[in-house]
Amino acid sequence: MILEGPIWLANSDRYFILHRDGSLQLRQELIDETSILVDSCNYFYQKNDFLKLCQSHFPAMTMIEFGNIQKTLDHQLVAIKGGASDVRLF
């Protein structure tokens, strides 16, 4: 299965876009309801480093949201590696 374009994370669209190479791009909403992509990082961080990154860019993010993002990332990465059909592409 060849993936093209970014993969929007099911439970965290407002925070990140996961690319097929495993990298993340931070997503920021603008006042006019459009979005821009800012910065990018690799998902293969230690958990504490990833938490610090989230807290610095999204200070209002709760630990529950953070946990949901981690679960979603893990699921999406497994889906990419396994060629699952439920990966959302836009």
N, C-alpha and C. Protein backbone atom coordinates (compact mmCIF):
# COMPACT_ATOMS: atom_id res chain seq x y z
N MET A 1 0.85 -1.19 0.00
CA MET A 1 0.00 0.00 0.00
C MET A 1 0.89 1.24 0.00
N ILE A 2 0.68 2.12 -0.94
CA ILE A 2 1.46 3.36 -1.01
C ILE A 2 0.62 4.49 -0.46
N LEU A 3 1.16 5.17 0.54
CA LEU A 3 0.45 6.29 1.14
C LEU A 3 0.94 7.58 0.53
N GLU A 4 0.03 8.44 0.18
CA GLU A 4 0.41 9.73 -0.37
C GLU A 4 -0.25 10.82 0.45
N GLY A 5 0.48 11.90 0.66
CA GLY A 5 -0.06 13.03 1.39
C GLY A 5 -0.02 12.81 2.88
N PRO A 6 -0.44 13.81 3.62
CA PRO A 6 -0.40 13.71 5.08
C PRO A 6 -1.51 12.82 5.62
N ILE A 7 -1.31 12.31 6.79
CA ILE A 7 -2.29 11.48 7.48
C ILE A 7 -2.80 12.28 8.66
N TRP A 8 -4.08 12.57 8.66
CA TRP A 8 -4.64 13.34 9.77
C TRP A 8 -4.99 12.39 10.89
N LEU A 9 -4.54 12.73 12.09
CA LEU A 9 -4.76 11.84 13.22
C LEU A 9 -6.21 11.91 13.68
N ALA A 10 -6.83 10.77 13.84
CA ALA A 10 -8.26 10.70 14.12
C ALA A 10 -8.68 11.49 15.35
N ASN A 11 -7.91 11.42 16.42
CA ASN A 11 -8.32 12.06 17.67
C ASN A 11 -7.58 13.35 17.96
N SER A 12 -6.76 13.80 17.04
CA SER A 12 -5.94 14.97 17.36
C SER A 12 -5.68 15.85 16.15
N ASP A 13 -6.67 15.95 15.27
CA ASP A 13 -6.50 16.73 14.05
C ASP A 13 -6.06 18.16 14.33
N ARG A 14 -6.47 18.70 15.46
CA ARG A 14 -6.15 20.10 15.71
C ARG A 14 -4.71 20.29 16.16
N TYR A 15 -4.01 19.21 16.41
CA TYR A 15 -2.63 19.33 16.89
C TYR A 15 -1.57 18.94 15.87
N PHE A 16 -1.72 17.80 15.25
CA PHE A 16 -0.64 17.26 14.43
C PHE A 16 -1.14 16.69 13.12
N ILE A 17 -0.22 16.63 12.17
CA ILE A 17 -0.39 15.79 10.99
C ILE A 17 0.78 14.82 10.99
N LEU A 18 0.49 13.55 10.85
CA LEU A 18 1.52 12.52 10.79
C LEU A 18 1.82 12.21 9.33
N HIS A 19 3.08 12.28 8.95
CA HIS A 19 3.46 11.95 7.58
C HIS A 19 3.93 10.51 7.49
N ARG A 20 3.93 9.97 6.29
CA ARG A 20 4.21 8.55 6.13
C ARG A 20 5.62 8.16 6.54
N ASP A 21 6.54 9.14 6.63
CA ASP A 21 7.89 8.81 7.09
C ASP A 21 7.98 8.79 8.61
N GLY A 22 6.85 8.97 9.29
CA GLY A 22 6.83 8.93 10.75
C GLY A 22 7.05 10.28 11.40
N SER A 23 7.23 11.32 10.58
CA SER A 23 7.43 12.65 11.16
C SER A 23 6.08 13.32 11.42
N LEU A 24 6.10 14.22 12.37
CA LEU A 24 4.90 14.96 12.71
C LEU A 24 5.07 16.41 12.29
N GLN A 25 3.98 17.04 11.94
CA GLN A 25 3.97 18.47 11.74
C GLN A 25 2.95 19.07 12.68
N LEU A 26 3.36 20.11 13.37
CA LEU A 26 2.43 20.80 14.25
C LEU A 26 1.46 21.61 13.40
N ARG A 27 0.23 21.67 13.84
CA ARG A 27 -0.81 22.37 13.08
C ARG A 27 -1.36 23.48 13.95
N GLN A 28 -1.51 24.65 13.39
CA GLN A 28 -2.00 25.77 14.19
C GLN A 28 -3.18 26.42 13.48
N GLU A 29 -4.27 26.58 14.22
CA GLU A 29 -5.47 27.21 13.67
C GLU A 29 -5.30 28.72 13.65
N LEU A 30 -5.77 29.33 12.60
CA LEU A 30 -5.74 30.79 12.50
C LEU A 30 -7.12 31.35 12.80
N ILE A 31 -7.19 32.64 13.03
CA ILE A 31 -8.46 33.28 13.40
C ILE A 31 -9.51 33.09 12.31
N ASP A 32 -9.11 33.08 11.05
CA ASP A 32 -10.08 32.95 9.96
C ASP A 32 -10.43 31.49 9.65
N GLU A 33 -10.15 30.60 10.60
CA GLU A 33 -10.51 29.18 10.51
C GLU A 33 -9.75 28.41 9.45
N THR A 34 -8.68 29.00 8.93
CA THR A 34 -7.79 28.21 8.09
C THR A 34 -6.70 27.66 9.00
N SER A 35 -5.90 26.80 8.48
CA SER A 35 -4.82 26.28 9.32
C SER A 35 -3.50 26.36 8.59
N ILE A 36 -2.45 26.47 9.35
CA ILE A 36 -1.11 26.46 8.78
C ILE A 36 -0.31 25.38 9.48
N LEU A 37 0.71 24.92 8.82
CA LEU A 37 1.59 23.94 9.42
C LEU A 37 2.84 24.65 9.89
N VAL A 38 3.19 24.43 11.13
CA VAL A 38 4.38 25.06 11.68
C VAL A 38 5.29 23.98 12.23
N ASP A 39 6.56 24.13 12.01
CA ASP A 39 7.53 23.25 12.63
C ASP A 39 7.24 21.79 12.26
N SER A 40 8.18 20.96 12.47
CA SER A 40 7.96 19.52 12.31
C SER A 40 8.91 18.81 13.25
N CYS A 41 8.58 17.61 13.57
CA CYS A 41 9.41 16.86 14.50
C CYS A 41 9.27 15.39 14.17
N ASN A 42 10.11 14.60 14.79
CA ASN A 42 10.03 13.17 14.60
C ASN A 42 9.27 12.57 15.77
N TYR A 43 8.39 11.64 15.50
CA TYR A 43 7.60 11.03 16.58
C TYR A 43 8.46 10.21 17.52
N PHE A 44 9.62 9.78 17.07
CA PHE A 44 10.41 8.85 17.87
C PHE A 44 11.16 9.57 18.98
N TYR A 45 10.40 10.26 19.81
CA TYR A 45 10.90 10.94 21.00
C TYR A 45 10.69 10.05 22.21
N GLN A 46 11.45 10.31 23.25
CA GLN A 46 11.10 9.72 24.55
C GLN A 46 9.78 10.36 24.99
N LYS A 47 9.00 9.66 25.78
CA LYS A 47 7.69 10.17 26.19
C LYS A 47 7.79 11.54 26.86
N ASN A 48 8.77 11.72 27.75
CA ASN A 48 8.90 13.00 28.45
C ASN A 48 9.23 14.14 27.49
N ASP A 49 10.08 13.86 26.49
CA ASP A 49 10.42 14.89 25.50
C ASP A 49 9.20 15.26 24.68
N PHE A 50 8.40 14.26 24.31
CA PHE A 50 7.20 14.51 23.53
C PHE A 50 6.20 15.31 24.34
N LEU A 51 6.08 14.99 25.63
CA LEU A 51 5.18 15.74 26.51
C LEU A 51 5.63 17.20 26.61
N LYS A 52 6.92 17.43 26.76
CA LYS A 52 7.44 18.81 26.84
C LYS A 52 7.16 19.57 25.55
N LEU A 53 7.31 18.89 24.42
CA LEU A 53 7.02 19.53 23.13
C LEU A 53 5.55 19.93 23.06
N CYS A 54 4.66 19.03 23.46
CA CYS A 54 3.23 19.33 23.45
C CYS A 54 2.91 20.49 24.38
N GLN A 55 3.49 20.46 25.58
CA GLN A 55 3.20 21.51 26.55
C GLN A 55 3.71 22.87 26.09
N SER A 56 4.83 22.90 25.39
CA SER A 56 5.36 24.18 24.93
C SER A 56 4.53 24.77 23.80
N HIS A 57 4.01 23.93 22.92
CA HIS A 57 3.22 24.43 21.79
C HIS A 57 1.74 24.53 22.12
N PHE A 58 1.25 23.67 22.99
CA PHE A 58 -0.18 23.62 23.31
C PHE A 58 -0.36 23.60 24.83
N PRO A 59 -0.15 24.74 25.51
CA PRO A 59 -0.19 24.75 26.97
C PRO A 59 -1.54 24.33 27.56
N ALA A 60 -2.62 24.46 26.80
CA ALA A 60 -3.94 24.09 27.33
C ALA A 60 -4.24 22.59 27.17
N MET A 61 -3.34 21.85 26.54
CA MET A 61 -3.57 20.42 26.33
C MET A 61 -3.60 19.69 27.67
N THR A 62 -4.63 18.85 27.85
CA THR A 62 -4.73 18.08 29.09
C THR A 62 -3.95 16.77 28.95
N MET A 63 -3.70 16.13 30.07
CA MET A 63 -3.00 14.83 30.03
C MET A 63 -3.85 13.78 29.33
N ILE A 64 -5.16 13.90 29.44
CA ILE A 64 -6.04 12.96 28.73
C ILE A 64 -5.88 13.13 27.22
N GLU A 65 -5.86 14.40 26.76
CA GLU A 65 -5.64 14.64 25.33
C GLU A 65 -4.28 14.11 24.90
N PHE A 66 -3.27 14.35 25.72
CA PHE A 66 -1.93 13.87 25.39
C PHE A 66 -1.93 12.34 25.26
N GLY A 67 -2.58 11.67 26.20
CA GLY A 67 -2.66 10.21 26.14
C GLY A 67 -3.39 9.73 24.90
N ASN A 68 -4.47 10.43 24.54
CA ASN A 68 -5.21 10.08 23.33
C ASN A 68 -4.36 10.26 22.08
N ILE A 69 -3.56 11.33 22.06
CA ILE A 69 -2.68 11.56 20.92
C ILE A 69 -1.65 10.45 20.82
N GLN A 70 -1.06 10.08 21.94
CA GLN A 70 -0.07 9.00 21.91
C GLN A 70 -0.69 7.70 21.42
N LYS A 71 -1.88 7.37 21.90
CA LYS A 71 -2.55 6.14 21.46
C LYS A 71 -2.84 6.20 19.96
N THR A 72 -3.30 7.35 19.50
CA THR A 72 -3.63 7.50 18.09
C THR A 72 -2.38 7.37 17.23
N LEU A 73 -1.30 8.01 17.67
CA LEU A 73 -0.04 7.90 16.93
C LEU A 73 0.41 6.45 16.84
N ASP A 74 0.36 5.75 17.96
CA ASP A 74 0.76 4.35 17.97
C ASP A 74 -0.09 3.54 17.01
N HIS A 75 -1.40 3.77 17.04
CA HIS A 75 -2.32 3.05 16.15
C HIS A 75 -2.03 3.36 14.69
N GLN A 76 -1.82 4.65 14.39
CA GLN A 76 -1.58 5.04 13.00
C GLN A 76 -0.26 4.48 12.49
N LEU A 77 0.78 4.48 13.32
CA LEU A 77 2.06 3.95 12.88
C LEU A 77 1.97 2.45 12.62
N VAL A 78 1.23 1.73 13.46
CA VAL A 78 1.02 0.31 13.23
C VAL A 78 0.24 0.11 11.93
N ALA A 79 -0.77 0.95 11.71
CA ALA A 79 -1.58 0.84 10.50
C ALA A 79 -0.73 1.09 9.25
N ILE A 80 0.17 2.07 9.33
CA ILE A 80 1.03 2.35 8.19
C ILE A 80 1.93 1.16 7.90
N LYS A 81 2.54 0.63 8.93
CA LYS A 81 3.45 -0.50 8.75
C LYS A 81 2.72 -1.74 8.26
N GLY A 82 1.47 -1.91 8.72
CA GLY A 82 0.71 -3.09 8.33
C GLY A 82 -0.12 -2.91 7.08
N GLY A 83 -0.13 -1.70 6.53
CA GLY A 83 -0.91 -1.45 5.33
C GLY A 83 -2.41 -1.49 5.57
N ALA A 84 -2.84 -1.15 6.78
CA ALA A 84 -4.26 -1.19 7.09
C ALA A 84 -5.04 -0.19 6.25
N SER A 85 -6.28 -0.50 5.99
CA SER A 85 -7.09 0.35 5.11
C SER A 85 -7.78 1.49 5.84
N ASP A 86 -7.69 1.54 7.18
CA ASP A 86 -8.42 2.57 7.91
C ASP A 86 -7.59 3.83 8.16
N VAL A 87 -6.44 3.94 7.55
CA VAL A 87 -5.64 5.16 7.69
C VAL A 87 -6.31 6.26 6.89
N ARG A 88 -6.53 7.39 7.53
CA ARG A 88 -7.24 8.50 6.88
C ARG A 88 -6.26 9.35 6.09
N LEU A 89 -6.53 9.50 4.83
CA LEU A 89 -5.68 10.32 3.97
C LEU A 89 -6.47 11.50 3.44
N PHE A 90 -5.83 12.67 3.39
CA PHE A 90 -6.47 13.86 2.84
C PHE A 90 -5.54 14.52 1.87
